[in-house]
């Protein structure tokens, strides 16, 4: 079962980033959201910070549009 199913049941709106910015491709190109691998010390293996920033900005933008 996908977590989206439960989220939809609760009335959530999923704000997936899709392919809305080129920085997402540098982070692996996942249209469902940024993912990252960490090493044994908890350090990020990939540099995904620009993609995470874009995803956060997109989520806040969509939330502000809904809020009106």
C-alpha atoms as a PDB file:
ATOM      1  CA  UNK A   1       0.000   0.000   0.000  1.00  0.00           C
ATOM      2  CA  UNK A   2       1.282   3.430  -0.868  1.00  0.00           C
ATOM      3  CA  UNK A   3       1.336   6.121   1.798  1.00  0.00           C
ATOM      4  CA  UNK A   4      -0.446   8.421  -0.650  1.00  0.00           C
ATOM      5  CA  UNK A   5      -3.580   6.307  -0.274  1.00  0.00           C
ATOM      6  CA  UNK A   6      -3.733   7.013   3.456  1.00  0.00           C
ATOM      7  CA  UNK A   7      -2.919  10.669   2.901  1.00  0.00           C
ATOM      8  CA  UNK A   8      -5.748  11.034   0.384  1.00  0.00           C
ATOM      9  CA  UNK A   9      -8.093   9.333   2.859  1.00  0.00           C
ATOM     10  CA  UNK A  10      -7.264  12.083   5.376  1.00  0.00           C
ATOM     11  CA  UNK A  11      -7.858  14.798   2.778  1.00  0.00           C
ATOM     12  CA  UNK A  12      -4.203  15.608   2.153  1.00  0.00           C
ATOM     13  CA  UNK A  13      -2.958  17.251  -0.993  1.00  0.00           C
ATOM     14  CA  UNK A  14       0.261  15.778  -2.362  1.00  0.00           C
ATOM     15  CA  UNK A  15       2.581  18.426  -3.813  1.00  0.00           C
ATOM     16  CA  UNK A  16       5.053  16.257  -5.678  1.00  0.00           C
ATOM     17  CA  UNK A  17       7.747  18.286  -7.473  1.00  0.00           C
ATOM     18  CA  UNK A  18       7.336  16.463 -10.779  1.00  0.00           C
ATOM     19  CA  UNK A  19       9.891  17.727 -13.291  1.00  0.00           C
ATOM     20  CA  UNK A  20       9.390  21.385 -12.382  1.00  0.00           C
ATOM     21  CA  UNK A  21      13.066  22.436 -12.182  1.00  0.00           C
ATOM     22  CA  UNK A  22      16.374  21.230 -13.668  1.00  0.00           C
ATOM     23  CA  UNK A  23      17.945  20.912 -10.180  1.00  0.00           C
ATOM     24  CA  UNK A  24      15.793  17.821  -9.675  1.00  0.00           C
ATOM     25  CA  UNK A  25      17.677  15.976 -12.423  1.00  0.00           C
ATOM     26  CA  UNK A  26      20.995  16.615 -10.694  1.00  0.00           C
ATOM     27  CA  UNK A  27      19.524  14.909  -7.619  1.00  0.00           C
ATOM     28  CA  UNK A  28      18.459  11.785  -9.513  1.00  0.00           C
ATOM     29  CA  UNK A  29      15.366  13.072 -11.325  1.00  0.00           C
ATOM     30  CA  UNK A  30      12.780  11.541  -9.001  1.00  0.00           C
ATOM     31  CA  UNK A  31       9.404  13.193  -9.825  1.00  0.00           C
ATOM     32  CA  UNK A  32       7.897  12.019  -6.527  1.00  0.00           C
ATOM     33  CA  UNK A  33      10.280  13.864  -4.224  1.00  0.00           C
ATOM     34  CA  UNK A  34      13.931  14.093  -3.331  1.00  0.00           C
ATOM     35  CA  UNK A  35      15.676  11.083  -1.863  1.00  0.00           C
ATOM     36  CA  UNK A  36      19.206  10.733  -0.592  1.00  0.00           C
ATOM     37  CA  UNK A  37      21.589   8.019   0.528  1.00  0.00           C
ATOM     38  CA  UNK A  38      23.674   8.533   3.660  1.00  0.00           C
ATOM     39  CA  UNK A  39      26.957   6.909   4.569  1.00  0.00           C
ATOM     40  CA  UNK A  40      27.663   5.088   7.830  1.00  0.00           C
ATOM     41  CA  UNK A  41      28.386   8.427   9.545  1.00  0.00           C
ATOM     42  CA  UNK A  42      25.055   9.946   8.464  1.00  0.00           C
ATOM     43  CA  UNK A  43      26.560  12.203   5.809  1.00  0.00           C
ATOM     44  CA  UNK A  44      24.685  12.639   2.540  1.00  0.00           C
ATOM     45  CA  UNK A  45      26.330  10.785  -0.338  1.00  0.00           C
ATOM     46  CA  UNK A  46      24.611  12.819  -3.057  1.00  0.00           C
ATOM     47  CA  UNK A  47      24.399  16.594  -3.170  1.00  0.00           C
ATOM     48  CA  UNK A  48      20.634  17.116  -3.122  1.00  0.00           C
ATOM     49  CA  UNK A  49      20.326  20.381  -1.198  1.00  0.00           C
ATOM     50  CA  UNK A  50      19.234  22.459  -4.256  1.00  0.00           C
ATOM     51  CA  UNK A  51      16.523  19.906  -5.049  1.00  0.00           C
ATOM     52  CA  UNK A  52      15.328  19.868  -1.434  1.00  0.00           C
ATOM     53  CA  UNK A  53      15.201  23.676  -1.416  1.00  0.00           C
ATOM     54  CA  UNK A  54      13.154  23.652  -4.642  1.00  0.00           C
ATOM     55  CA  UNK A  55      10.769  21.036  -3.277  1.00  0.00           C
ATOM     56  CA  UNK A  56      10.278  22.978  -0.023  1.00  0.00           C
ATOM     57  CA  UNK A  57       9.666  26.231  -1.923  1.00  0.00           C
ATOM     58  CA  UNK A  58       7.146  24.497  -4.183  1.00  0.00           C
ATOM     59  CA  UNK A  59       5.306  22.997  -1.208  1.00  0.00           C
ATOM     60  CA  UNK A  60       5.094  26.372   0.573  1.00  0.00           C
ATOM     61  CA  UNK A  61       3.929  28.045  -2.659  1.00  0.00           C
ATOM     62  CA  UNK A  62       1.134  25.508  -3.180  1.00  0.00           C
ATOM     63  CA  UNK A  63       0.084  25.742   0.486  1.00  0.00           C
ATOM     64  CA  UNK A  64      -0.063  29.551   0.299  1.00  0.00           C
ATOM     65  CA  UNK A  65      -2.250  29.361  -2.840  1.00  0.00           C
ATOM     66  CA  UNK A  66      -4.648  26.996  -1.109  1.00  0.00           C
ATOM     67  CA  UNK A  67      -4.778  29.121   2.008  1.00  0.00           C
ATOM     68  CA  UNK A  68      -5.637  32.122  -0.161  1.00  0.00           C
END
